[in-house]
Amino acid sequence: MQPDRETTADRNANGASGASVEIVRSPTEGRNSGTYDIDVLPTIDVLREINAEDATAPSAVAKVLPDLAHAVDLGVDTLRDGGRIHYFGAGTSGRISTMDAAELPPTFGIVPGRVVSHHAGGETALGHAVEGIEDDLDLGRTDAAELTSADLAVCLAASGRTPYVAGALRRAHEVGARTVLISANPAAPLAGEADVHVGMDTGAEVIAGSTRMKAGTAQKLAINAFSTAVMVRLGYTYSNLMVGMNATNAKLRGRMVTILMEATGCSEDVCADALADADGDTRVALVSLLGDVDSARAGQELAASGGHVRGALRRLGTAEPS
């Protein structure tokens, strides 16, 4: 495999000189032969070319689902055993992972801090590009300092070579944490440093090197699928309904009552009463309604089944609705 970058030091060995230059060789940095004319096309055709390339991202993810499934299993084991999932990324990759981590508590009801994101440059870099920060290997190590052997580090890097991510991966290995690399480069240089590499082949971008485009789209698809599957496996859903959220305000109570009605076929009043009896815990209310038991018994069976509604219902000998 060819090296993915050539530095000035490499070129100086051949007699070249001058300021530091990094020549990147990765699939996302290539020139797309299908969009040479994009700057002379009518607007609608510009959009058609972008859309056609964007449409390839889901198929790139589909080809690496076995690797993504392995990553999900690591995530499930990590959270089930009391560890935490840490995301690491720079630039677009970091912003994507930060958004995913932020949306898990309000979507599924997972306790904040169980899935956390580390973005190179911190909050400042989320809204404003901080040039060169992704090349700081030591910063990646520093941001990963809180990792323990019970944790999982999920690192995102479109090129699969970002030094910030390399630093986080290496720190993770030092403490015995498990590791996942999500990239848009099947031959990612850092692949060998991760326990699982989800390497999506998204190819050359519409605009050369703009990994905020389909490489970013593929990363978002992958990390959203990863976290959603982890939540499903841990029992934060019943069927395809969100049941992990506690009803802490009027809007959420309305949403949870609707979910209970969908899941049980009971009336709005019955579901609202069950939710109130369960102190706003949707899973307790659901087991109470489907299992025909009081909230206290429903809570006990849920605890015994690790929070899984179906497991609690099996313990009660309840036939689930079709």
C-alpha atoms as a PDB file:
ATOM      1  CA  MET A   1       0.000   0.000   0.000  1.00  0.00           C
ATOM      2  CA  GLN A   2       1.298   3.464  -0.841  1.00  0.00           C
ATOM      3  CA  PRO A   3       1.794   5.877   2.060  1.00  0.00           C
ATOM      4  CA  ASP A   4      -1.195   8.182   2.468  1.00  0.00           C
ATOM      5  CA  ARG A   5       0.878  11.325   2.797  1.00  0.00           C
ATOM      6  CA  GLU A   6       4.255  12.743   1.856  1.00  0.00           C
ATOM      7  CA  THR A   7       5.870  15.296   4.143  1.00  0.00           C
ATOM      8  CA  THR A   8       8.632  17.804   3.455  1.00  0.00           C
ATOM      9  CA  ALA A   9      11.078  15.490   5.190  1.00  0.00           C
ATOM     10  CA  ASP A  10      10.289  12.822   2.600  1.00  0.00           C
ATOM     11  CA  ARG A  11      10.784  15.281  -0.234  1.00  0.00           C
ATOM     12  CA  ASN A  12      13.999  16.704   1.248  1.00  0.00           C
ATOM     13  CA  ALA A  13      15.486  13.227   1.057  1.00  0.00           C
ATOM     14  CA  ASN A  14      15.219  13.643  -2.708  1.00  0.00           C
ATOM     15  CA  GLY A  15      16.800  17.095  -2.724  1.00  0.00           C
ATOM     16  CA  ALA A  16      13.622  19.174  -2.385  1.00  0.00           C
ATOM     17  CA  SER A  17      13.428  22.090  -0.007  1.00  0.00           C
ATOM     18  CA  GLY A  18      11.031  24.735   1.264  1.00  0.00           C
ATOM     19  CA  ALA A  19       8.254  25.182   3.815  1.00  0.00           C
ATOM     20  CA  SER A  20       6.513  22.213   5.381  1.00  0.00           C
ATOM     21  CA  VAL A  21       4.040  20.618   2.978  1.00  0.00           C
ATOM     22  CA  GLU A  22       1.814  17.609   3.456  1.00  0.00           C
ATOM     23  CA  ILE A  23       0.616  15.816   0.346  1.00  0.00           C
ATOM     24  CA  VAL A  24      -2.352  13.621   1.230  1.00  0.00           C
ATOM     25  CA  ARG A  25      -3.086  10.423  -0.625  1.00  0.00           C
ATOM     26  CA  SER A  26      -6.441   9.027   0.466  1.00  0.00           C
ATOM     27  CA  PRO A  27      -9.638   8.224  -1.460  1.00  0.00           C
ATOM     28  CA  THR A  28     -11.486  11.274  -0.163  1.00  0.00           C
ATOM     29  CA  GLU A  29      -8.755  13.571  -1.498  1.00  0.00           C
ATOM     30  CA  GLY A  30      -8.918  12.294  -5.071  1.00  0.00           C
ATOM     31  CA  ARG A  31     -10.431  14.198  -8.000  1.00  0.00           C
ATOM     32  CA  ASN A  32     -13.884  13.016  -9.061  1.00  0.00           C
ATOM     33  CA  SER A  33     -13.928  12.392 -12.822  1.00  0.00           C
ATOM     34  CA  GLY A  34     -17.710  12.755 -12.889  1.00  0.00           C
ATOM     35  CA  THR A  35     -17.789  16.360 -11.736  1.00  0.00           C
ATOM     36  CA  TYR A  36     -15.119  18.092 -13.807  1.00  0.00           C
ATOM     37  CA  ASP A  37     -17.793  20.367 -15.268  1.00  0.00           C
ATOM     38  CA  ILE A  38     -19.569  21.289 -12.039  1.00  0.00           C
ATOM     39  CA  ASP A  39     -18.457  24.931 -12.139  1.00  0.00           C
ATOM     40  CA  VAL A  40     -19.997  25.594 -15.569  1.00  0.00           C
ATOM     41  CA  LEU A  41     -23.343  23.842 -15.115  1.00  0.00           C
ATOM     42  CA  PRO A  42     -26.765  25.392 -14.486  1.00  0.00           C
ATOM     43  CA  THR A  43     -27.780  25.317 -10.818  1.00  0.00           C
ATOM     44  CA  ILE A  44     -30.121  22.354 -11.181  1.00  0.00           C
ATOM     45  CA  ASP A  45     -27.374  20.269 -12.777  1.00  0.00           C
ATOM     46  CA  VAL A  46     -24.900  21.225 -10.049  1.00  0.00           C
ATOM     47  CA  LEU A  47     -27.413  19.909  -7.553  1.00  0.00           C
ATOM     48  CA  ARG A  48     -27.982  16.751  -9.601  1.00  0.00           C
ATOM     49  CA  GLU A  49     -24.263  15.952  -9.569  1.00  0.00           C
ATOM     50  CA  ILE A  50     -24.063  16.543  -5.808  1.00  0.00           C
ATOM     51  CA  ASN A  51     -27.178  14.456  -5.206  1.00  0.00           C
ATOM     52  CA  ALA A  52     -25.911  11.603  -7.361  1.00  0.00           C
ATOM     53  CA  GLU A  53     -22.704  11.419  -5.329  1.00  0.00           C
ATOM     54  CA  ASP A  54     -24.579  11.743  -2.017  1.00  0.00           C
ATOM     55  CA  ALA A  55     -26.725   8.775  -3.032  1.00  0.00           C
ATOM     56  CA  THR A  56     -23.669   6.507  -2.918  1.00  0.00           C
ATOM     57  CA  ALA A  57     -23.107   7.039   0.825  1.00  0.00           C
ATOM     58  CA  PRO A  58     -25.754   4.569   2.086  1.00  0.00           C
ATOM     59  CA  SER A  59     -24.401   1.767  -0.091  1.00  0.00           C
ATOM     60  CA  ALA A  60     -20.903   2.434   1.236  1.00  0.00           C
ATOM     61  CA  VAL A  61     -22.254   2.013   4.762  1.00  0.00           C
ATOM     62  CA  ALA A  62     -24.190  -1.125   3.782  1.00  0.00           C
ATOM     63  CA  LYS A  63     -20.974  -2.852   2.712  1.00  0.00           C
ATOM     64  CA  VAL A  64     -19.414  -2.494   6.171  1.00  0.00           C
ATOM     65  CA  LEU A  65     -22.426  -3.481   8.297  1.00  0.00           C
ATOM     66  CA  PRO A  66     -20.667  -6.591   9.702  1.00  0.00           C
ATOM     67  CA  ASP A  67     -17.894  -4.360  11.047  1.00  0.00           C
ATOM     68  CA  LEU A  68     -20.450  -1.861  12.350  1.00  0.00           C
ATOM     69  CA  ALA A  69     -22.308  -4.705  14.066  1.00  0.00           C
ATOM     70  CA  HIS A  70     -19.075  -5.691  15.832  1.00  0.00           C
ATOM     71  CA  ALA A  71     -18.699  -2.077  16.990  1.00  0.00           C
ATOM     72  CA  VAL A  72     -22.291  -2.060  18.263  1.00  0.00           C
ATOM     73  CA  ASP A  73     -21.685  -5.227  20.259  1.00  0.00           C
ATOM     74  CA  LEU A  74     -18.657  -3.593  21.872  1.00  0.00           C
ATOM     75  CA  GLY A  75     -20.795  -0.555  22.699  1.00  0.00           C
ATOM     76  CA  VAL A  76     -23.536  -2.677  24.248  1.00  0.00           C
ATOM     77  CA  ASP A  77     -21.057  -4.622  26.369  1.00  0.00           C
ATOM     78  CA  THR A  78     -19.365  -1.392  27.465  1.00  0.00           C
ATOM     79  CA  LEU A  79     -22.515   0.331  28.686  1.00  0.00           C
ATOM     80  CA  ARG A  80     -24.003  -2.831  30.160  1.00  0.00           C
ATOM     81  CA  ASP A  81     -20.850  -3.390  32.216  1.00  0.00           C
ATOM     82  CA  GLY A  82     -20.826   0.173  33.551  1.00  0.00           C
ATOM     83  CA  GLY A  83     -18.278   1.717  31.203  1.00  0.00           C
ATOM     84  CA  ARG A  84     -18.673   4.748  28.964  1.00  0.00           C
ATOM     85  CA  ILE A  85     -18.495   5.345  25.229  1.00  0.00           C
ATOM     86  CA  HIS A  86     -16.201   8.185  24.157  1.00  0.00           C
ATOM     87  CA  TYR A  87     -16.313   9.723  20.672  1.00  0.00           C
ATOM     88  CA  PHE A  88     -13.210  11.429  19.272  1.00  0.00           C
ATOM     89  CA  GLY A  89     -12.989  13.492  16.088  1.00  0.00           C
ATOM     90  CA  ALA A  90     -11.760  16.712  14.505  1.00  0.00           C
ATOM     91  CA  GLY A  91     -13.510  19.105  12.134  1.00  0.00           C
ATOM     92  CA  THR A  92     -16.578  17.635  10.434  1.00  0.00           C
ATOM     93  CA  SER A  93     -16.028  14.251  12.074  1.00  0.00           C
ATOM     94  CA  GLY A  94     -15.910  15.820  15.522  1.00  0.00           C
ATOM     95  CA  ARG A  95     -19.040  17.890  14.936  1.00  0.00           C
ATOM     96  CA  ILE A  96     -20.960  14.845  13.718  1.00  0.00           C
ATOM     97  CA  SER A  97     -20.005  12.792  16.764  1.00  0.00           C
ATOM     98  CA  THR A  98     -20.739  15.683  19.135  1.00  0.00           C
ATOM     99  CA  MET A  99     -24.240  16.038  17.718  1.00  0.00           C
ATOM    100  CA  ASP A 100     -24.887  12.310  18.018  1.00  0.00           C
ATOM    101  CA  ALA A 101     -23.795  12.165  21.665  1.00  0.00           C
ATOM    102  CA  ALA A 102     -25.849  15.258  22.548  1.00  0.00           C
ATOM    103  CA  GLU A 103     -29.033  13.819  21.096  1.00  0.00           C
ATOM    104  CA  LEU A 104     -28.989  10.462  22.894  1.00  0.00           C
ATOM    105  CA  PRO A 105     -30.279  11.572  26.328  1.00  0.00           C
ATOM    106  CA  PRO A 106     -33.315  13.489  24.979  1.00  0.00           C
ATOM    107  CA  THR A 107     -34.071  10.791  22.409  1.00  0.00           C
ATOM    108  CA  PHE A 108     -33.658   7.639  24.466  1.00  0.00           C
ATOM    109  CA  GLY A 109     -33.426   8.748  28.090  1.00  0.00           C
ATOM    110  CA  ILE A 110     -29.906   7.466  28.642  1.00  0.00           C
ATOM    111  CA  VAL A 111     -28.182   9.180  31.558  1.00  0.00           C
ATOM    112  CA  PRO A 112     -26.057  12.118  30.309  1.00  0.00           C
ATOM    113  CA  GLY A 113     -22.361  11.323  30.427  1.00  0.00           C
ATOM    114  CA  ARG A 114     -22.642   7.658  29.464  1.00  0.00           C
ATOM    115  CA  VAL A 115     -21.840   8.585  25.852  1.00  0.00           C
ATOM    116  CA  VAL A 116     -19.549  11.608  25.587  1.00  0.00           C
ATOM    117  CA  SER A 117     -17.883  13.397  22.694  1.00  0.00           C
ATOM    118  CA  HIS A 118     -14.418  14.921  22.487  1.00  0.00           C
ATOM    119  CA  HIS A 119     -13.972  17.388  19.627  1.00  0.00           C
ATOM    120  CA  ALA A 120     -10.500  18.660  18.783  1.00  0.00           C
ATOM    121  CA  GLY A 121     -10.360  22.248  19.973  1.00  0.00           C
ATOM    122  CA  GLY A 122     -13.365  21.941  22.285  1.00  0.00           C
ATOM    123  CA  GLU A 123     -16.482  24.109  22.109  1.00  0.00           C
ATOM    124  CA  THR A 124     -14.700  26.918  20.271  1.00  0.00           C
ATOM    125  CA  ALA A 125     -13.912  24.629  17.350  1.00  0.00           C
ATOM    126  CA  LEU A 126     -17.513  23.427  17.065  1.00  0.00           C
ATOM    127  CA  GLY A 127     -18.640  26.695  15.533  1.00  0.00           C
ATOM    128  CA  HIS A 128     -15.378  28.021  14.142  1.00  0.00           C
ATOM    129  CA  ALA A 129     -12.612  26.124  12.371  1.00  0.00           C
ATOM    130  CA  VAL A 130      -9.390  26.072  14.366  1.00  0.00           C
ATOM    131  CA  GLU A 131      -6.685  25.482  11.798  1.00  0.00           C
ATOM    132  CA  GLY A 132      -4.115  22.809  12.544  1.00  0.00           C
ATOM    133  CA  ILE A 133      -5.838  21.460  15.643  1.00  0.00           C
ATOM    134  CA  GLU A 134      -6.529  18.104  13.987  1.00  0.00           C
ATOM    135  CA  ASP A 135      -2.774  17.608  13.564  1.00  0.00           C
ATOM    136  CA  ASP A 136      -2.176  17.758  17.322  1.00  0.00           C
ATOM    137  CA  LEU A 137      -1.477  14.173  18.359  1.00  0.00           C
ATOM    138  CA  ASP A 138      -0.720  15.191  21.946  1.00  0.00           C
ATOM    139  CA  LEU A 139      -4.115  16.915  22.219  1.00  0.00           C
ATOM    140  CA  GLY A 140      -5.808  13.655  21.261  1.00  0.00           C
ATOM    141  CA  ARG A 141      -3.920  11.881  24.029  1.00  0.00           C
ATOM    142  CA  THR A 142      -4.841  14.614  26.498  1.00  0.00           C
ATOM    143  CA  ASP A 143      -8.534  14.542  25.589  1.00  0.00           C
ATOM    144  CA  ALA A 144      -8.477  10.758  26.062  1.00  0.00           C
ATOM    145  CA  ALA A 145      -6.892  11.001  29.514  1.00  0.00           C
ATOM    146  CA  GLU A 146     -10.141  10.097  31.296  1.00  0.00           C
ATOM    147  CA  LEU A 147     -10.492   6.777  29.453  1.00  0.00           C
ATOM    148  CA  THR A 148     -10.397   3.614  31.557  1.00  0.00           C
ATOM    149  CA  SER A 149     -10.171  -0.053  30.689  1.00  0.00           C
ATOM    150  CA  ALA A 150     -13.960  -0.266  31.054  1.00  0.00           C
ATOM    151  CA  ASP A 151     -14.557   2.243  28.235  1.00  0.00           C
ATOM    152  CA  LEU A 152     -14.910   2.199  24.457  1.00  0.00           C
ATOM    153  CA  ALA A 153     -13.241   4.842  22.269  1.00  0.00           C
ATOM    154  CA  VAL A 154     -15.044   5.433  18.968  1.00  0.00           C
ATOM    155  CA  CYS A 155     -12.838   7.546  16.710  1.00  0.00           C
ATOM    156  CA  LEU A 156     -14.036   9.255  13.540  1.00  0.00           C
ATOM    157  CA  ALA A 157     -11.655  10.396  10.786  1.00  0.00           C
ATOM    158  CA  ALA A 158     -12.654  10.601   7.141  1.00  0.00           C
ATOM    159  CA  SER A 159      -9.094  10.001   5.957  1.00  0.00           C
ATOM    160  CA  GLY A 160      -8.370   7.434   8.650  1.00  0.00           C
ATOM    161  CA  ARG A 161      -5.081   9.152   9.481  1.00  0.00           C
ATOM    162  CA  THR A 162      -5.904  12.247  11.608  1.00  0.00           C
ATOM    163  CA  PRO A 163      -3.156  12.747  14.230  1.00  0.00           C
ATOM    164  CA  TYR A 164      -5.653  13.935  16.880  1.00  0.00           C
ATOM    165  CA  VAL A 165      -7.495  10.632  16.499  1.00  0.00           C
ATOM    166  CA  ALA A 166      -4.207   8.723  16.499  1.00  0.00           C
ATOM    167  CA  GLY A 167      -3.372  10.257  19.856  1.00  0.00           C
ATOM    168  CA  ALA A 168      -6.731   9.203  21.300  1.00  0.00           C
ATOM    169  CA  LEU A 169      -6.376   5.665  19.929  1.00  0.00           C
ATOM    170  CA  ARG A 170      -2.913   5.255  21.392  1.00  0.00           C
ATOM    171  CA  ARG A 171      -3.983   6.518  24.801  1.00  0.00           C
ATOM    172  CA  ALA A 172      -6.944   4.125  24.693  1.00  0.00           C
ATOM    173  CA  HIS A 173      -4.635   1.180  24.091  1.00  0.00           C
ATOM    174  CA  GLU A 174      -2.354   2.228  26.927  1.00  0.00           C
ATOM    175  CA  VAL A 175      -5.219   2.006  29.434  1.00  0.00           C
ATOM    176  CA  GLY A 176      -6.777  -1.117  27.909  1.00  0.00           C
ATOM    177  CA  ALA A 177      -9.908   0.538  26.498  1.00  0.00           C
ATOM    178  CA  ARG A 178     -11.532  -1.033  23.449  1.00  0.00           C
ATOM    179  CA  THR A 179     -11.384   0.951  20.221  1.00  0.00           C
ATOM    180  CA  VAL A 180     -13.347   1.556  17.011  1.00  0.00           C
ATOM    181  CA  LEU A 181     -12.250   3.630  14.006  1.00  0.00           C
ATOM    182  CA  ILE A 182     -14.914   4.932  11.606  1.00  0.00           C
ATOM    183  CA  SER A 183     -13.407   6.261   8.380  1.00  0.00           C
ATOM    184  CA  ALA A 184     -14.115   6.838   4.697  1.00  0.00           C
ATOM    185  CA  ASN A 185     -10.937   5.016   3.735  1.00  0.00           C
ATOM    186  CA  PRO A 186     -10.881   1.191   3.614  1.00  0.00           C
ATOM    187  CA  ALA A 187      -7.066   1.356   3.705  1.00  0.00           C
ATOM    188  CA  ALA A 188      -6.931   3.824   6.597  1.00  0.00           C
ATOM    189  CA  PRO A 189      -3.410   4.082   8.052  1.00  0.00           C
ATOM    190  CA  LEU A 190      -4.840   3.943  11.593  1.00  0.00           C
ATOM    191  CA  ALA A 191      -6.955   0.854  10.930  1.00  0.00           C
ATOM    192  CA  GLY A 192      -4.376  -1.441  12.492  1.00  0.00           C
ATOM    193  CA  GLU A 193      -4.507   0.548  15.728  1.00  0.00           C
ATOM    194  CA  ALA A 194      -8.242  -0.057  16.277  1.00  0.00           C
ATOM    195  CA  ASP A 195      -9.969  -3.214  17.450  1.00  0.00           C
ATOM    196  CA  VAL A 196     -12.659  -2.616  14.821  1.00  0.00           C
ATOM    197  CA  HIS A 197     -12.325  -0.556  11.648  1.00  0.00           C
ATOM    198  CA  VAL A 198     -15.514   0.550   9.919  1.00  0.00           C
ATOM    199  CA  GLY A 199     -13.889   1.674   6.672  1.00  0.00           C
ATOM    200  CA  MET A 200     -16.456   2.970   4.185  1.00  0.00           C
ATOM    201  CA  ASP A 201     -15.395   3.363   0.565  1.00  0.00           C
ATOM    202  CA  THR A 202     -17.043   6.678  -0.335  1.00  0.00           C
ATOM    203  CA  GLY A 203     -14.446   7.561  -2.956  1.00  0.00           C
ATOM    204  CA  ALA A 204     -13.630  10.990  -4.364  1.00  0.00           C
ATOM    205  CA  GLU A 205     -15.838  13.877  -3.314  1.00  0.00           C
ATOM    206  CA  VAL A 206     -17.857  16.141  -5.601  1.00  0.00           C
ATOM    207  CA  ILE A 207     -15.354  18.854  -4.709  1.00  0.00           C
ATOM    208  CA  ALA A 208     -11.921  17.333  -4.128  1.00  0.00           C
ATOM    209  CA  GLY A 209     -11.130  16.965  -0.451  1.00  0.00           C
ATOM    210  CA  SER A 210     -14.435  18.325   0.865  1.00  0.00           C
ATOM    211  CA  THR A 211     -15.096  15.553   3.362  1.00  0.00           C
ATOM    212  CA  ARG A 212     -18.044  17.479   4.781  1.00  0.00           C
ATOM    213  CA  MET A 213     -19.895  16.065   1.751  1.00  0.00           C
ATOM    214  CA  LYS A 214     -20.532  12.348   1.187  1.00  0.00           C
ATOM    215  CA  ALA A 215     -17.726  11.178   3.484  1.00  0.00           C
ATOM    216  CA  GLY A 216     -19.356  13.204   6.238  1.00  0.00           C
ATOM    217  CA  THR A 217     -22.782  11.877   5.274  1.00  0.00           C
ATOM    218  CA  ALA A 218     -21.526   8.303   5.490  1.00  0.00           C
ATOM    219  CA  GLN A 219     -19.940   8.963   8.882  1.00  0.00           C
ATOM    220  CA  LYS A 220     -23.202  10.442  10.167  1.00  0.00           C
ATOM    221  CA  LEU A 221     -25.142   7.437   8.892  1.00  0.00           C
ATOM    222  CA  ALA A 222     -22.677   5.095  10.559  1.00  0.00           C
ATOM    223  CA  ILE A 223     -22.506   6.828  13.946  1.00  0.00           C
ATOM    224  CA  ASN A 224     -26.290   7.345  14.077  1.00  0.00           C
ATOM    225  CA  ALA A 225     -26.818   3.677  13.241  1.00  0.00           C
ATOM    226  CA  PHE A 226     -24.200   2.665  15.823  1.00  0.00           C
ATOM    227  CA  SER A 227     -25.737   4.606  18.701  1.00  0.00           C
ATOM    228  CA  THR A 228     -29.332   3.781  17.778  1.00  0.00           C
ATOM    229  CA  ALA A 229     -28.556   0.060  17.571  1.00  0.00           C
ATOM    230  CA  VAL A 230     -26.780   0.232  20.945  1.00  0.00           C
ATOM    231  CA  MET A 231     -29.850   1.880  22.489  1.00  0.00           C
ATOM    232  CA  VAL A 232     -32.179  -0.703  20.932  1.00  0.00           C
ATOM    233  CA  ARG A 233     -30.046  -3.586  22.190  1.00  0.00           C
ATOM    234  CA  LEU A 234     -30.018  -2.111  25.711  1.00  0.00           C
ATOM    235  CA  GLY A 235     -33.812  -1.894  25.886  1.00  0.00           C
ATOM    236  CA  TYR A 236     -34.365   1.819  25.375  1.00  0.00           C
ATOM    237  CA  THR A 237     -37.059   0.980  22.827  1.00  0.00           C
ATOM    238  CA  TYR A 238     -40.060  -1.338  22.747  1.00  0.00           C
ATOM    239  CA  SER A 239     -40.670  -2.449  19.172  1.00  0.00           C
ATOM    240  CA  ASN A 240     -39.859   0.744  17.250  1.00  0.00           C
ATOM    241  CA  LEU A 241     -41.138   3.067  19.977  1.00  0.00           C
ATOM    242  CA  MET A 242     -39.003   5.205  22.296  1.00  0.00           C
ATOM    243  CA  VAL A 243     -39.776   4.138  25.861  1.00  0.00           C
ATOM    244  CA  GLY A 244     -36.609   5.123  27.712  1.00  0.00           C
ATOM    245  CA  MET A 245     -37.651   8.730  28.262  1.00  0.00           C
ATOM    246  CA  ASN A 246     -39.215   9.831  31.540  1.00  0.00           C
ATOM    247  CA  ALA A 247     -42.124  12.264  31.203  1.00  0.00           C
ATOM    248  CA  THR A 248     -40.699  15.305  32.980  1.00  0.00           C
ATOM    249  CA  ASN A 249     -42.863  18.015  31.401  1.00  0.00           C
ATOM    250  CA  ALA A 250     -46.261  18.431  29.730  1.00  0.00           C
ATOM    251  CA  LYS A 251     -44.900  18.023  26.201  1.00  0.00           C
ATOM    252  CA  LEU A 252     -43.088  14.802  27.061  1.00  0.00           C
ATOM    253  CA  ARG A 253     -46.083  13.472  28.987  1.00  0.00           C
ATOM    254  CA  GLY A 254     -48.200  13.960  25.891  1.00  0.00           C
ATOM    255  CA  ARG A 255     -45.624  12.192  23.727  1.00  0.00           C
ATOM    256  CA  MET A 256     -45.289   9.294  26.176  1.00  0.00           C
ATOM    257  CA  VAL A 257     -49.062   8.881  26.488  1.00  0.00           C
ATOM    258  CA  THR A 258     -49.254   8.654  22.691  1.00  0.00           C
ATOM    259  CA  ILE A 259     -46.521   6.010  22.679  1.00  0.00           C
ATOM    260  CA  LEU A 260     -48.339   4.018  25.378  1.00  0.00           C
ATOM    261  CA  MET A 261     -51.544   4.179  23.342  1.00  0.00           C
ATOM    262  CA  GLU A 262     -49.678   2.930  20.263  1.00  0.00           C
ATOM    263  CA  ALA A 263     -48.069   0.076  22.182  1.00  0.00           C
ATOM    264  CA  THR A 264     -51.069  -1.093  24.194  1.00  0.00           C
ATOM    265  CA  GLY A 265     -54.213  -0.049  22.363  1.00  0.00           C
ATOM    266  CA  CYS A 266     -55.522   1.455  25.620  1.00  0.00           C
ATOM    267  CA  SER A 267     -57.362   4.765  25.809  1.00  0.00           C
ATOM    268  CA  GLU A 268     -55.669   8.102  26.412  1.00  0.00           C
ATOM    269  CA  ASP A 269     -57.092   8.332  29.943  1.00  0.00           C
ATOM    270  CA  VAL A 270     -55.950   4.845  30.906  1.00  0.00           C
ATOM    271  CA  CYS A 271     -52.445   5.490  29.563  1.00  0.00           C
ATOM    272  CA  ALA A 272     -52.217   8.870  31.264  1.00  0.00           C
ATOM    273  CA  ASP A 273     -53.211   7.331  34.594  1.00  0.00           C
ATOM    274  CA  ALA A 274     -50.693   4.506  34.184  1.00  0.00           C
ATOM    275  CA  LEU A 275     -47.939   6.996  33.393  1.00  0.00           C
ATOM    276  CA  ALA A 276     -48.817   9.032  36.470  1.00  0.00           C
ATOM    277  CA  ASP A 277     -48.812   5.901  38.656  1.00  0.00           C
ATOM    278  CA  ALA A 278     -45.361   5.064  37.257  1.00  0.00           C
ATOM    279  CA  ASP A 279     -44.039   8.530  38.202  1.00  0.00           C
ATOM    280  CA  GLY A 280     -43.481   9.293  34.539  1.00  0.00           C
ATOM    281  CA  ASP A 281     -41.433   6.159  33.799  1.00  0.00           C
ATOM    282  CA  THR A 282     -42.707   5.029  30.411  1.00  0.00           C
ATOM    283  CA  ARG A 283     -41.274   1.524  30.633  1.00  0.00           C
ATOM    284  CA  VAL A 284     -42.872   0.915  34.036  1.00  0.00           C
ATOM    285  CA  ALA A 285     -46.201   2.190  32.724  1.00  0.00           C
ATOM    286  CA  LEU A 286     -45.930  -0.009  29.642  1.00  0.00           C
ATOM    287  CA  VAL A 287     -45.172  -3.181  31.603  1.00  0.00           C
ATOM    288  CA  SER A 288     -47.960  -2.315  34.045  1.00  0.00           C
ATOM    289  CA  LEU A 289     -50.487  -1.962  31.232  1.00  0.00           C
ATOM    290  CA  LEU A 290     -49.400  -4.953  29.154  1.00  0.00           C
ATOM    291  CA  GLY A 291     -48.723  -7.198  32.142  1.00  0.00           C
ATOM    292  CA  ASP A 292     -51.812  -6.104  34.072  1.00  0.00           C
ATOM    293  CA  VAL A 293     -49.823  -5.491  37.248  1.00  0.00           C
ATOM    294  CA  ASP A 294     -49.315  -2.454  39.446  1.00  0.00           C
ATOM    295  CA  SER A 295     -46.407  -0.070  38.974  1.00  0.00           C
ATOM    296  CA  ALA A 296     -44.415  -1.522  41.854  1.00  0.00           C
ATOM    297  CA  ARG A 297     -44.495  -5.031  40.372  1.00  0.00           C
ATOM    298  CA  ALA A 298     -43.767  -3.684  36.905  1.00  0.00           C
ATOM    299  CA  GLY A 299     -40.706  -1.870  38.236  1.00  0.00           C
ATOM    300  CA  GLN A 300     -39.443  -4.992  39.958  1.00  0.00           C
ATOM    301  CA  GLU A 301     -39.722  -7.112  36.811  1.00  0.00           C
ATOM    302  CA  LEU A 302     -38.072  -4.410  34.717  1.00  0.00           C
ATOM    303  CA  ALA A 303     -35.147  -4.240  37.135  1.00  0.00           C
ATOM    304  CA  ALA A 304     -34.806  -8.026  37.030  1.00  0.00           C
ATOM    305  CA  SER A 305     -34.738  -7.962  33.215  1.00  0.00           C
ATOM    306  CA  GLY A 306     -32.122  -5.229  32.934  1.00  0.00           C
ATOM    307  CA  GLY A 307     -34.654  -2.613  31.825  1.00  0.00           C
ATOM    308  CA  HIS A 308     -36.002  -4.587  28.868  1.00  0.00           C
ATOM    309  CA  VAL A 309     -39.780  -4.361  28.483  1.00  0.00           C
ATOM    310  CA  ARG A 310     -40.012  -7.658  26.594  1.00  0.00           C
ATOM    311  CA  GLY A 311     -37.924  -9.397  29.238  1.00  0.00           C
ATOM    312  CA  ALA A 312     -40.171  -8.081  32.001  1.00  0.00           C
ATOM    313  CA  LEU A 313     -43.260  -9.263  30.147  1.00  0.00           C
ATOM    314  CA  ARG A 314     -41.754 -12.729  29.685  1.00  0.00           C
ATOM    315  CA  ARG A 315     -41.093 -12.876  33.412  1.00  0.00           C
ATOM    316  CA  LEU A 316     -44.773 -12.064  33.980  1.00  0.00           C
ATOM    317  CA  GLY A 317     -45.851 -14.717  31.484  1.00  0.00           C
ATOM    318  CA  THR A 318     -47.621 -12.083  29.422  1.00  0.00           C
ATOM    319  CA  ALA A 319     -48.366 -12.647  25.766  1.00  0.00           C
ATOM    320  CA  GLU A 320     -47.307  -9.544  23.862  1.00  0.00           C
ATOM    321  CA  PRO A 321     -49.763  -7.890  21.466  1.00  0.00           C
ATOM    322  CA  SER A 322     -49.200  -8.759  17.824  1.00  0.00           C
END
